[in-house]
PDB file of N, CA and C in Angstrom:
ATOM      1  N   MET A   1      99.164 103.283 100.054  1.00  0.00           N
ATOM      2  CA  MET A   1      99.573 101.905 100.275  1.00  0.00           C
ATOM      3  C   MET A   1     100.601 101.848 101.410  1.00  0.00           C
ATOM      4  N   SER A   2     100.423 100.906 102.301  1.00  0.00           N
ATOM      5  CA  SER A   2     101.300 100.763 103.450  1.00  0.00           C
ATOM      6  C   SER A   2     102.674 100.246 103.052  1.00  0.00           C
ATOM      7  N   LYS A   3     103.706 100.773 103.719  1.00  0.00           N
ATOM      8  CA  LYS A   3     105.067 100.295 103.501  1.00  0.00           C
ATOM      9  C   LYS A   3     105.389  99.114 104.413  1.00  0.00           C
ATOM     10  N   ILE A   4     104.456  98.743 105.289  1.00  0.00           N
ATOM     11  CA  ILE A   4     104.696  97.648 106.227  1.00  0.00           C
ATOM     12  C   ILE A   4     104.627  96.324 105.476  1.00  0.00           C
ATOM     13  N   PRO A   5     105.691  95.517 105.567  1.00  0.00           N
ATOM     14  CA  PRO A   5     105.698  94.224 104.881  1.00  0.00           C
ATOM     15  C   PRO A   5     104.544  93.336 105.364  1.00  0.00           C
ATOM     16  N   PRO A   6     103.960  92.539 104.456  1.00  0.00           N
ATOM     17  CA  PRO A   6     102.799  91.707 104.808  1.00  0.00           C
ATOM     18  C   PRO A   6     103.015  90.807 106.030  1.00  0.00           C
ATOM     19  N   ALA A   7     104.180  90.197 106.172  1.00  0.00           N
ATOM     20  CA  ALA A   7     104.419  89.289 107.306  1.00  0.00           C
ATOM     21  C   ALA A   7     104.378  90.048 108.636  1.00  0.00           C
ATOM     22  N   ILE A   8     104.840  91.281 108.633  1.00  0.00           N
ATOM     23  CA  ILE A   8     104.799  92.091 109.850  1.00  0.00           C
ATOM     24  C   ILE A   8     103.377  92.585 110.098  1.00  0.00           C
ATOM     25  N   ALA A   9     102.692  92.997 109.049  1.00  0.00           N
ATOM     26  CA  ALA A   9     101.302  93.433 109.184  1.00  0.00           C
ATOM     27  C   ALA A   9     100.439  92.313 109.756  1.00  0.00           C
ATOM     28  N   GLU A  10     100.737  91.081 109.361  1.00  0.00           N
ATOM     29  CA  GLU A  10      99.998  89.926 109.872  1.00  0.00           C
ATOM     30  C   GLU A  10     100.199  89.770 111.382  1.00  0.00           C
ATOM     31  N   ARG A  11     101.414  89.986 111.859  1.00  0.00           N
ATOM     32  CA  ARG A  11     101.695  89.911 113.298  1.00  0.00           C
ATOM     33  C   ARG A  11     100.926  91.004 114.045  1.00  0.00           C
ATOM     34  N   PHE A  12     100.880  92.192 113.469  1.00  0.00           N
ATOM     35  CA  PHE A  12     100.129  93.283 114.098  1.00  0.00           C
ATOM     36  C   PHE A  12      98.641  92.954 114.156  1.00  0.00           C
ATOM     37  N   ARG A  13      98.105  92.373 113.074  1.00  0.00           N
ATOM     38  CA  ARG A  13      96.686  91.996 113.064  1.00  0.00           C
ATOM     39  C   ARG A  13      96.383  90.970 114.152  1.00  0.00           C
ATOM     40  N   ALA A  14      97.384  90.134 114.483  1.00  0.00           N
ATOM     41  CA  ALA A  14      97.222  89.129 115.534  1.00  0.00           C
ATOM     42  C   ALA A  14      97.378  89.745 116.933  1.00  0.00           C
ATOM     43  N   GLY A  15      97.623  91.058 116.984  1.00  0.00           N
ATOM     44  CA  GLY A  15      97.729  91.751 118.253  1.00  0.00           C
ATOM     45  C   GLY A  15      99.116  91.727 118.873  1.00  0.00           C
ATOM     46  N   GLU A  16     100.104  91.279 118.119  1.00  0.00           N
ATOM     47  CA  GLU A  16     101.471  91.205 118.641  1.00  0.00           C
ATOM     48  C   GLU A  16     102.174  92.551 118.598  1.00  0.00           C
ATOM     49  N   LEU A  17     103.081  92.733 119.545  1.00  0.00           N
ATOM     50  CA  LEU A  17     104.048  93.818 119.477  1.00  0.00           C
ATOM     51  C   LEU A  17     105.322  93.213 118.900  1.00  0.00           C
ATOM     52  N   ILE A  18     106.112  94.027 118.232  1.00  0.00           N
ATOM     53  CA  ILE A  18     107.356  93.544 117.634  1.00  0.00           C
ATOM     54  C   ILE A  18     108.525  94.258 118.297  1.00  0.00           C
ATOM     55  N   ALA A  19     109.523  93.466 118.678  1.00  0.00           N
ATOM     56  CA  ALA A  19     110.740  94.022 119.265  1.00  0.00           C
ATOM     57  C   ALA A  19     111.445  94.881 118.226  1.00  0.00           C
ATOM     58  N   ALA A  20     111.960  96.019 118.677  1.00  0.00           N
ATOM     59  CA  ALA A  20     112.672  96.939 117.791  1.00  0.00           C
ATOM     60  C   ALA A  20     114.009  97.300 118.430  1.00  0.00           C
ATOM     61  N   ILE A  21     115.083  97.010 117.726  1.00  0.00           N
ATOM     62  CA  ILE A  21     116.428  97.316 118.194  1.00  0.00           C
ATOM     63  C   ILE A  21     116.891  98.582 117.481  1.00  0.00           C
ATOM     64  N   ALA A  22     117.350  99.564 118.246  1.00  0.00           N
ATOM     65  CA  ALA A  22     117.917 100.788 117.662  1.00  0.00           C
ATOM     66  C   ALA A  22     119.440 100.666 117.687  1.00  0.00           C
ATOM     67  N   GLN A  23     120.045 100.914 116.535  1.00  0.00           N
ATOM     68  CA  GLN A  23     121.494 100.803 116.369  1.00  0.00           C
ATOM     69  C   GLN A  23     122.022 102.094 115.753  1.00  0.00           C
ATOM     70  N   ASP A  24     123.142 102.583 116.277  1.00  0.00           N
ATOM     71  CA  ASP A  24     123.759 103.784 115.722  1.00  0.00           C
ATOM     72  C   ASP A  24     124.170 103.513 114.280  1.00  0.00           C
ATOM     73  N   SER A  25     123.770 104.372 113.371  1.00  0.00           N
ATOM     74  CA  SER A  25     124.016 104.148 111.942  1.00  0.00           C
ATOM     75  C   SER A  25     125.492 104.220 111.567  1.00  0.00           C
ATOM     76  N   GLU A  26     126.288 104.938 112.342  1.00  0.00           N
ATOM     77  CA  GLU A  26     127.715 105.068 112.022  1.00  0.00           C
ATOM     78  C   GLU A  26     128.585 104.079 112.794  1.00  0.00           C
ATOM     79  N   SER A  27     128.449 104.045 114.102  1.00  0.00           N
ATOM     80  CA  SER A  27     129.311 103.187 114.924  1.00  0.00           C
ATOM     81  C   SER A  27     128.831 101.738 114.978  1.00  0.00           C
ATOM     82  N   LYS A  28     127.549 101.512 114.650  1.00  0.00           N
ATOM     83  CA  LYS A  28     126.897 100.197 114.721  1.00  0.00           C
ATOM     84  C   LYS A  28     126.656  99.742 116.162  1.00  0.00           C
ATOM     85  N   GLU A  29     126.858 100.632 117.118  1.00  0.00           N
ATOM     86  CA  GLU A  29     126.613 100.331 118.523  1.00  0.00           C
ATOM     87  C   GLU A  29     125.112 100.101 118.745  1.00  0.00           C
ATOM     88  N   VAL A  30     124.763  99.040 119.481  1.00  0.00           N
ATOM     89  CA  VAL A  30     123.370  98.796 119.829  1.00  0.00           C
ATOM     90  C   VAL A  30     122.994  99.779 120.934  1.00  0.00           C
ATOM     91  N   LEU A  31     121.957 100.563 120.691  1.00  0.00           N
ATOM     92  CA  LEU A  31     121.573 101.621 121.617  1.00  0.00           C
ATOM     93  C   LEU A  31     120.484 101.209 122.592  1.00  0.00           C
ATOM     94  N   MET A  32     119.461 100.552 122.094  1.00  0.00           N
ATOM     95  CA  MET A  32     118.327 100.218 122.959  1.00  0.00           C
ATOM     96  C   MET A  32     117.400  99.232 122.264  1.00  0.00           C
ATOM     97  N   MET A  33     116.474  98.710 123.046  1.00  0.00           N
ATOM     98  CA  MET A  33     115.406  97.852 122.539  1.00  0.00           C
ATOM     99  C   MET A  33     114.092  98.414 123.055  1.00  0.00           C
ATOM    100  N   ALA A  34     113.098  98.439 122.210  1.00  0.00           N
ATOM    101  CA  ALA A  34     111.763  98.888 122.605  1.00  0.00           C
ATOM    102  C   ALA A  34     110.754  98.068 121.796  1.00  0.00           C
ATOM    103  N   TRP A  35     109.498  98.380 121.947  1.00  0.00           N
ATOM    104  CA  TRP A  35     108.425  97.651 121.242  1.00  0.00           C
ATOM    105  C   TRP A  35     107.750  98.555 120.231  1.00  0.00           C
ATOM    106  N   MET A  36     107.249  97.935 119.172  1.00  0.00           N
ATOM    107  CA  MET A  36     106.473  98.662 118.158  1.00  0.00           C
ATOM    108  C   MET A  36     105.175  97.926 117.880  1.00  0.00           C
ATOM    109  N   ASN A  37     104.151  98.731 117.593  1.00  0.00           N
ATOM    110  CA  ASN A  37     102.911  98.197 117.056  1.00  0.00           C
ATOM    111  C   ASN A  37     102.729  98.828 115.673  1.00  0.00           C
ATOM    112  N   GLU A  38     101.621  98.555 115.025  1.00  0.00           N
ATOM    113  CA  GLU A  38     101.420  99.063 113.670  1.00  0.00           C
ATOM    114  C   GLU A  38     101.441 100.586 113.622  1.00  0.00           C
ATOM    115  N   GLU A  39     100.807 101.216 114.601  1.00  0.00           N
ATOM    116  CA  GLU A  39     100.742 102.680 114.625  1.00  0.00           C
ATOM    117  C   GLU A  39     102.132 103.302 114.800  1.00  0.00           C
ATOM    118  N   SER A  40     102.930 102.745 115.702  1.00  0.00           N
ATOM    119  CA  SER A  40     104.262 103.319 115.929  1.00  0.00           C
ATOM    120  C   SER A  40     105.181 103.097 114.731  1.00  0.00           C
ATOM    121  N   LEU A  41     105.073 101.938 114.101  1.00  0.00           N
ATOM    122  CA  LEU A  41     105.898 101.689 112.908  1.00  0.00           C
ATOM    123  C   LEU A  41     105.481 102.610 111.762  1.00  0.00           C
ATOM    124  N   THR A  42     104.190 102.771 111.562  1.00  0.00           N
ATOM    125  CA  THR A  42     103.692 103.674 110.521  1.00  0.00           C
ATOM    126  C   THR A  42     104.177 105.100 110.766  1.00  0.00           C
ATOM    127  N   LYS A  43     104.074 105.549 112.008  1.00  0.00           N
ATOM    128  CA  LYS A  43     104.516 106.911 112.366  1.00  0.00           C
ATOM    129  C   LYS A  43     106.023 107.065 112.136  1.00  0.00           C
ATOM    130  N   THR A  44     106.799 106.045 112.508  1.00  0.00           N
ATOM    131  CA  THR A  44     108.247 106.072 112.293  1.00  0.00           C
ATOM    132  C   THR A  44     108.570 106.203 110.809  1.00  0.00           C
ATOM    133  N   LEU A  45     107.894 105.434 109.981  1.00  0.00           N
ATOM    134  CA  LEU A  45     108.138 105.484 108.540  1.00  0.00           C
ATOM    135  C   LEU A  45     107.714 106.825 107.941  1.00  0.00           C
ATOM    136  N   GLU A  46     106.633 107.396 108.445  1.00  0.00           N
ATOM    137  CA  GLU A  46     106.139 108.679 107.935  1.00  0.00           C
ATOM    138  C   GLU A  46     107.030 109.848 108.337  1.00  0.00           C
ATOM    139  N   THR A  47     107.459 109.868 109.600  1.00  0.00           N
ATOM    140  CA  THR A  47     108.180 111.024 110.136  1.00  0.00           C
ATOM    141  C   THR A  47     109.696 110.885 110.085  1.00  0.00           C
ATOM    142  N   LYS A  48     110.171 109.639 109.910  1.00  0.00           N
ATOM    143  CA  LYS A  48     111.614 109.314 109.958  1.00  0.00           C
ATOM    144  C   LYS A  48     112.198 109.583 111.339  1.00  0.00           C
ATOM    145  N   ARG A  49     111.343 109.610 112.361  1.00  0.00           N
ATOM    146  CA  ARG A  49     111.732 109.727 113.772  1.00  0.00           C
ATOM    147  C   ARG A  49     111.241 108.472 114.474  1.00  0.00           C
ATOM    148  N   ALA A  50     112.116 107.834 115.247  1.00  0.00           N
ATOM    149  CA  ALA A  50     111.743 106.608 115.940  1.00  0.00           C
ATOM    150  C   ALA A  50     110.595 106.867 116.914  1.00  0.00           C
ATOM    151  N   THR A  51     109.536 106.105 116.709  1.00  0.00           N
ATOM    152  CA  THR A  51     108.354 106.167 117.563  1.00  0.00           C
ATOM    153  C   THR A  51     108.041 104.748 118.002  1.00  0.00           C
ATOM    154  N   TYR A  52     107.923 104.556 119.289  1.00  0.00           N
ATOM    155  CA  TYR A  52     107.721 103.223 119.846  1.00  0.00           C
ATOM    156  C   TYR A  52     106.373 103.132 120.545  1.00  0.00           C
ATOM    157  N   TRP A  53     106.031 101.913 120.985  1.00  0.00           N
ATOM    158  CA  TRP A  53     104.840 101.698 121.786  1.00  0.00           C
ATOM    159  C   TRP A  53     105.278 101.473 123.228  1.00  0.00           C
ATOM    160  N   SER A  54     104.838 102.323 124.124  1.00  0.00           N
ATOM    161  CA  SER A  54     105.161 102.194 125.540  1.00  0.00           C
ATOM    162  C   SER A  54     104.149 101.260 126.188  1.00  0.00           C
ATOM    163  N   ARG A  55     104.623 100.114 126.639  1.00  0.00           N
ATOM    164  CA  ARG A  55     103.728  99.164 127.312  1.00  0.00           C
ATOM    165  C   ARG A  55     103.283  99.699 128.666  1.00  0.00           C
ATOM    166  N   SER A  56     104.157 100.420 129.367  1.00  0.00           N
ATOM    167  CA  SER A  56     103.793 100.927 130.697  1.00  0.00           C
ATOM    168  C   SER A  56     102.766 102.055 130.621  1.00  0.00           C
ATOM    169  N   ARG A  57     102.865 102.888 129.588  1.00  0.00           N
ATOM    170  CA  ARG A  57     101.912 104.002 129.439  1.00  0.00           C
ATOM    171  C   ARG A  57     100.743 103.646 128.530  1.00  0.00           C
ATOM    172  N   ASN A  58     100.899 102.518 127.802  1.00  0.00           N
ATOM    173  CA  ASN A  58      99.881 102.095 126.848  1.00  0.00           C
ATOM    174  C   ASN A  58      99.599 103.208 125.829  1.00  0.00           C
ATOM    175  N   ALA A  59     100.709 103.766 125.305  1.00  0.00           N
ATOM    176  CA  ALA A  59     100.602 104.898 124.385  1.00  0.00           C
ATOM    177  C   ALA A  59     101.834 104.980 123.490  1.00  0.00           C
ATOM    178  N   LEU A  60     101.695 105.734 122.405  1.00  0.00           N
ATOM    179  CA  LEU A  60     102.845 106.002 121.545  1.00  0.00           C
ATOM    180  C   LEU A  60     103.894 106.787 122.309  1.00  0.00           C
ATOM    181  N   TRP A  61     105.146 106.551 121.961  1.00  0.00           N
ATOM    182  CA  TRP A  61     106.270 107.210 122.612  1.00  0.00           C
ATOM    183  C   TRP A  61     107.258 107.619 121.533  1.00  0.00           C
ATOM    184  N   ILE A  62     107.332 108.911 121.269  1.00  0.00           N
ATOM    185  CA  ILE A  62     108.309 109.432 120.310  1.00  0.00           C
ATOM    186  C   ILE A  62     109.613 109.605 121.066  1.00  0.00           C
ATOM    187  N   LYS A  63     110.615 108.810 120.705  1.00  0.00           N
ATOM    188  CA  LYS A  63     111.897 108.863 121.404  1.00  0.00           C
ATOM    189  C   LYS A  63     112.458 110.274 121.286  1.00  0.00           C
ATOM    190  N   GLY A  64     112.738 110.893 122.431  1.00  0.00           N
ATOM    191  CA  GLY A  64     113.303 112.240 122.452  1.00  0.00           C
ATOM    192  C   GLY A  64     112.296 113.351 122.602  1.00  0.00           C
ATOM    193  N   GLU A  65     111.024 113.031 122.617  1.00  0.00           N
ATOM    194  CA  GLU A  65     109.991 114.067 122.684  1.00  0.00           C
ATOM    195  C   GLU A  65     110.127 114.941 123.927  1.00  0.00           C
ATOM    196  N   THR A  66     110.485 114.341 125.057  1.00  0.00           N
ATOM    197  CA  THR A  66     110.657 115.142 126.269  1.00  0.00           C
ATOM    198  C   THR A  66     112.125 115.458 126.553  1.00  0.00           C
ATOM    199  N   SER A  67     113.034 114.581 126.157  1.00  0.00           N
ATOM    200  CA  SER A  67     114.462 114.765 126.464  1.00  0.00           C
ATOM    201  C   SER A  67     115.233 115.521 125.389  1.00  0.00           C
ATOM    202  N   GLY A  68     114.704 115.517 124.159  1.00  0.00           N
ATOM    203  CA  GLY A  68     115.444 116.089 123.037  1.00  0.00           C
ATOM    204  C   GLY A  68     116.438 115.112 122.437  1.00  0.00           C
ATOM    205  N   HIS A  69     116.470 113.884 122.957  1.00  0.00           N
ATOM    206  CA  HIS A  69     117.396 112.859 122.475  1.00  0.00           C
ATOM    207  C   HIS A  69     116.724 112.003 121.401  1.00  0.00           C
ATOM    208  N   TYR A  70     116.465 112.626 120.272  1.00  0.00           N
ATOM    209  CA  TYR A  70     115.747 111.983 119.177  1.00  0.00           C
ATOM    210  C   TYR A  70     116.569 110.910 118.488  1.00  0.00           C
ATOM    211  N   GLN A  71     115.864 110.013 117.810  1.00  0.00           N
ATOM    212  CA  GLN A  71     116.481 109.032 116.933  1.00  0.00           C
ATOM    213  C   GLN A  71     115.929 109.265 115.532  1.00  0.00           C
ATOM    214  N   ASP A  72     116.784 109.780 114.650  1.00  0.00           N
ATOM    215  CA  ASP A  72     116.378 110.011 113.266  1.00  0.00           C
ATOM    216  C   ASP A  72     116.673 108.760 112.458  1.00  0.00           C
ATOM    217  N   LEU A  73     115.653 108.253 111.793  1.00  0.00           N
ATOM    218  CA  LEU A  73     115.741 106.992 111.065  1.00  0.00           C
ATOM    219  C   LEU A  73     116.596 107.121 109.811  1.00  0.00           C
ATOM    220  N   VAL A  74     117.575 106.226 109.685  1.00  0.00           N
ATOM    221  CA  VAL A  74     118.424 106.152 108.496  1.00  0.00           C
ATOM    222  C   VAL A  74     117.948 105.001 107.615  1.00  0.00           C
ATOM    223  N   SER A  75     117.696 103.849 108.227  1.00  0.00           N
ATOM    224  CA  SER A  75     117.155 102.697 107.497  1.00  0.00           C
ATOM    225  C   SER A  75     116.449 101.780 108.483  1.00  0.00           C
ATOM    226  N   LEU A  76     115.657 100.879 107.945  1.00  0.00           N
ATOM    227  CA  LEU A  76     114.905  99.952 108.763  1.00  0.00           C
ATOM    228  C   LEU A  76     114.858  98.606 108.064  1.00  0.00           C
ATOM    229  N   SER A  77     115.143  97.543 108.802  1.00  0.00           N
ATOM    230  CA  SER A  77     115.053  96.199 108.245  1.00  0.00           C
ATOM    231  C   SER A  77     114.399  95.273 109.264  1.00  0.00           C
ATOM    232  N   PHE A  78     114.056  94.081 108.837  1.00  0.00           N
ATOM    233  CA  PHE A  78     113.437  93.123 109.741  1.00  0.00           C
ATOM    234  C   PHE A  78     114.079  91.763 109.544  1.00  0.00           C
ATOM    235  N   ASP A  79     113.963  90.920 110.568  1.00  0.00           N
ATOM    236  CA  ASP A  79     114.625  89.619 110.533  1.00  0.00           C
ATOM    237  C   ASP A  79     113.824  88.595 109.729  1.00  0.00           C
ATOM    238  N   CYS A  80     114.426  87.410 109.586  1.00  0.00           N
ATOM    239  CA  CYS A  80     113.856  86.355 108.746  1.00  0.00           C
ATOM    240  C   CYS A  80     112.527  85.823 109.254  1.00  0.00           C
ATOM    241  N   ASP A  81     112.240  85.970 110.552  1.00  0.00           N
ATOM    242  CA  ASP A  81     110.974  85.511 111.123  1.00  0.00           C
ATOM    243  C   ASP A  81     109.923  86.615 111.195  1.00  0.00           C
ATOM    244  N   SER A  82     110.303  87.806 110.785  1.00  0.00           N
ATOM    245  CA  SER A  82     109.402  88.974 110.822  1.00  0.00           C
ATOM    246  C   SER A  82     108.900  89.258 112.233  1.00  0.00           C
ATOM    247  N   ASP A  83     109.768  89.009 113.236  1.00  0.00           N
ATOM    248  CA  ASP A  83     109.352  89.306 114.608  1.00  0.00           C
ATOM    249  C   ASP A  83     110.323  90.234 115.335  1.00  0.00           C
ATOM    250  N   CYS A  84     111.226  90.861 114.575  1.00  0.00           N
ATOM    251  CA  CYS A  84     112.159  91.818 115.167  1.00  0.00           C
ATOM    252  C   CYS A  84     112.562  92.836 114.101  1.00  0.00           C
ATOM    253  N   LEU A  85     112.577  94.093 114.503  1.00  0.00           N
ATOM    254  CA  LEU A  85     112.966  95.171 113.601  1.00  0.00           C
ATOM    255  C   LEU A  85     114.328  95.716 114.011  1.00  0.00           C
ATOM    256  N   LEU A  86     115.094  96.171 113.045  1.00  0.00           N
ATOM    257  CA  LEU A  86     116.377  96.817 113.304  1.00  0.00           C
ATOM    258  C   LEU A  86     116.315  98.216 112.710  1.00  0.00           C
ATOM    259  N   LEU A  87     116.354  99.207 113.598  1.00  0.00           N
ATOM    260  CA  LEU A  87     116.342 100.596 113.165  1.00  0.00           C
ATOM    261  C   LEU A  87     117.766 101.125 113.205  1.00  0.00           C
ATOM    262  N   SER A  88     118.255 101.556 112.079  1.00  0.00           N
ATOM    263  CA  SER A  88     119.544 102.234 112.017  1.00  0.00           C
ATOM    264  C   SER A  88     119.221 103.713 112.166  1.00  0.00           C
ATOM    265  N   VAL A  89     119.794 104.330 113.211  1.00  0.00           N
ATOM    266  CA  VAL A  89     119.392 105.698 113.562  1.00  0.00           C
ATOM    267  C   VAL A  89     120.584 106.612 113.766  1.00  0.00           C
ATOM    268  N   LYS A  90     120.314 107.893 113.595  1.00  0.00           N
ATOM    269  CA  LYS A  90     121.253 108.925 114.020  1.00  0.00           C
ATOM    270  C   LYS A  90     120.754 109.364 115.385  1.00  0.00           C
ATOM    271  N   GLN A  91     121.513 109.041 116.423  1.00  0.00           N
ATOM    272  CA  GLN A  91     121.114 109.321 117.802  1.00  0.00           C
ATOM    273  C   GLN A  91     121.579 110.709 118.215  1.00  0.00           C
ATOM    274  N   THR A  92     120.655 111.505 118.749  1.00  0.00           N
ATOM    275  CA  THR A  92     121.000 112.788 119.354  1.00  0.00           C
ATOM    276  C   THR A  92     121.051 112.575 120.855  1.00  0.00           C
ATOM    277  N   GLY A  93     122.189 112.824 121.482  1.00  0.00           N
ATOM    278  CA  GLY A  93     122.310 112.649 122.926  1.00  0.00           C
ATOM    279  C   GLY A  93     122.287 111.195 123.335  1.00  0.00           C
ATOM    280  N   ALA A  94     121.872 110.952 124.575  1.00  0.00           N
ATOM    281  CA  ALA A  94     121.837 109.610 125.144  1.00  0.00           C
ATOM    282  C   ALA A  94     120.604 108.846 124.670  1.00  0.00           C
ATOM    283  N   ALA A  95     120.778 107.548 124.454  1.00  0.00           N
ATOM    284  CA  ALA A  95     119.641 106.706 124.092  1.00  0.00           C
ATOM    285  C   ALA A  95     118.913 106.211 125.339  1.00  0.00           C
ATOM    286  N   CYS A  96     119.654 106.014 126.428  1.00  0.00           N
ATOM    287  CA  CYS A  96     119.079 105.436 127.648  1.00  0.00           C
ATOM    288  C   CYS A  96     118.488 106.521 128.557  1.00  0.00           C
ATOM    289  N   HIS A  97     117.379 106.191 129.192  1.00  0.00           N
ATOM    290  CA  HIS A  97     116.743 107.142 130.119  1.00  0.00           C
ATOM    291  C   HIS A  97     117.622 107.444 131.338  1.00  0.00           C
ATOM    292  N   THR A  98     118.668 106.634 131.559  1.00  0.00           N
ATOM    293  CA  THR A  98     119.580 106.878 132.682  1.00  0.00           C
ATOM    294  C   THR A  98     120.625 107.936 132.357  1.00  0.00           C
ATOM    295  N   GLY A  99     120.668 108.338 131.088  1.00  0.00           N
ATOM    296  CA  GLY A  99     121.670 109.302 130.651  1.00  0.00           C
ATOM    297  C   GLY A  99     122.865 108.658 129.976  1.00  0.00           C
ATOM    298  N   GLU A 100     122.924 107.327 129.989  1.00  0.00           N
ATOM    299  CA  GLU A 100     123.991 106.603 129.289  1.00  0.00           C
ATOM    300  C   GLU A 100     123.731 106.643 127.790  1.00  0.00           C
ATOM    301  N   ARG A 101     124.803 106.568 127.032  1.00  0.00           N
ATOM    302  CA  ARG A 101     124.671 106.579 125.568  1.00  0.00           C
ATOM    303  C   ARG A 101     123.826 105.403 125.084  1.00  0.00           C
ATOM    304  N   THR A 102     124.041 104.227 125.685  1.00  0.00           N
ATOM    305  CA  THR A 102     123.316 103.018 125.302  1.00  0.00           C
ATOM    306  C   THR A 102     122.649 102.412 126.527  1.00  0.00           C
ATOM    307  N   CYS A 103     121.564 101.704 126.321  1.00  0.00           N
ATOM    308  CA  CYS A 103     120.904 101.004 127.422  1.00  0.00           C
ATOM    309  C   CYS A 103     121.698  99.761 127.835  1.00  0.00           C
ATOM    310  N   PHE A 104     122.627  99.340 126.998  1.00  0.00           N
ATOM    311  CA  PHE A 104     123.405  98.133 127.265  1.00  0.00           C
ATOM    312  C   PHE A 104     124.752  98.483 127.882  1.00  0.00           C
ATOM    313  N   HIS A 105     124.703  99.150 129.025  1.00  0.00           N
ATOM    314  CA  HIS A 105     125.929  99.574 129.699  1.00  0.00           C
ATOM    315  C   HIS A 105     126.272  98.706 130.910  1.00  0.00           C
ATOM    316  N   SER A 106     125.441  97.716 131.202  1.00  0.00           N
ATOM    317  CA  SER A 106     125.692  96.801 132.327  1.00  0.00           C
ATOM    318  C   SER A 106     126.123  95.446 131.776  1.00  0.00           C
ATOM    319  N   GLU A 107     127.290  95.010 132.178  1.00  0.00           N
ATOM    320  CA  GLU A 107     127.856  93.780 131.628  1.00  0.00           C
ATOM    321  C   GLU A 107     127.846  92.662 132.664  1.00  0.00           C
ATOM    322  N   ILE A 108     127.523  91.463 132.220  1.00  0.00           N
ATOM    323  CA  ILE A 108     127.641  90.262 133.049  1.00  0.00           C
ATOM    324  C   ILE A 108     129.030  89.704 132.786  1.00  0.00           C
ATOM    325  N   LYS A 109     129.846  89.617 133.818  1.00  0.00           N
ATOM    326  CA  LYS A 109     131.213  89.122 133.676  1.00  0.00           C
ATOM    327  C   LYS A 109     131.202  87.608 133.492  1.00  0.00           C
ATOM    328  N   LEU A 110     131.917  87.141 132.496  1.00  0.00           N
ATOM    329  CA  LEU A 110     132.036  85.711 132.248  1.00  0.00           C
ATOM    330  C   LEU A 110     133.189  85.141 133.051  1.00  0.00           C
ATOM    331  N   ALA A 111     133.021  83.905 133.490  1.00  0.00           N
ATOM    332  CA  ALA A 111     134.080  83.254 134.301  1.00  0.00           C
ATOM    333  C   ALA A 111     135.287  82.931 133.450  1.00  0.00           C
TER     334      ALA A 111
END
């Protein structure tokens, strides 16, 4: 039996990708945003390693597979509209492909 909630499974059946936010489980720092489809979410739940859907490669992407900067899943929740996932992860190394700890390292200065 699938662990994917029915409302999310329905979005996948409609061909949608779901936004997935990775957050450090201890510091609560937002690390990155990526996309998930049914296969990547299922793989993440099975392996407890964050696996995303790469739109540019049109393929599964196991975070850290080439860099060693894995995201080990601590918990997973979804929002009230079932269109966004929140992965609480233990991050190994940098989350961003630029080498930064988080992808959100560029700030827009407010007036």
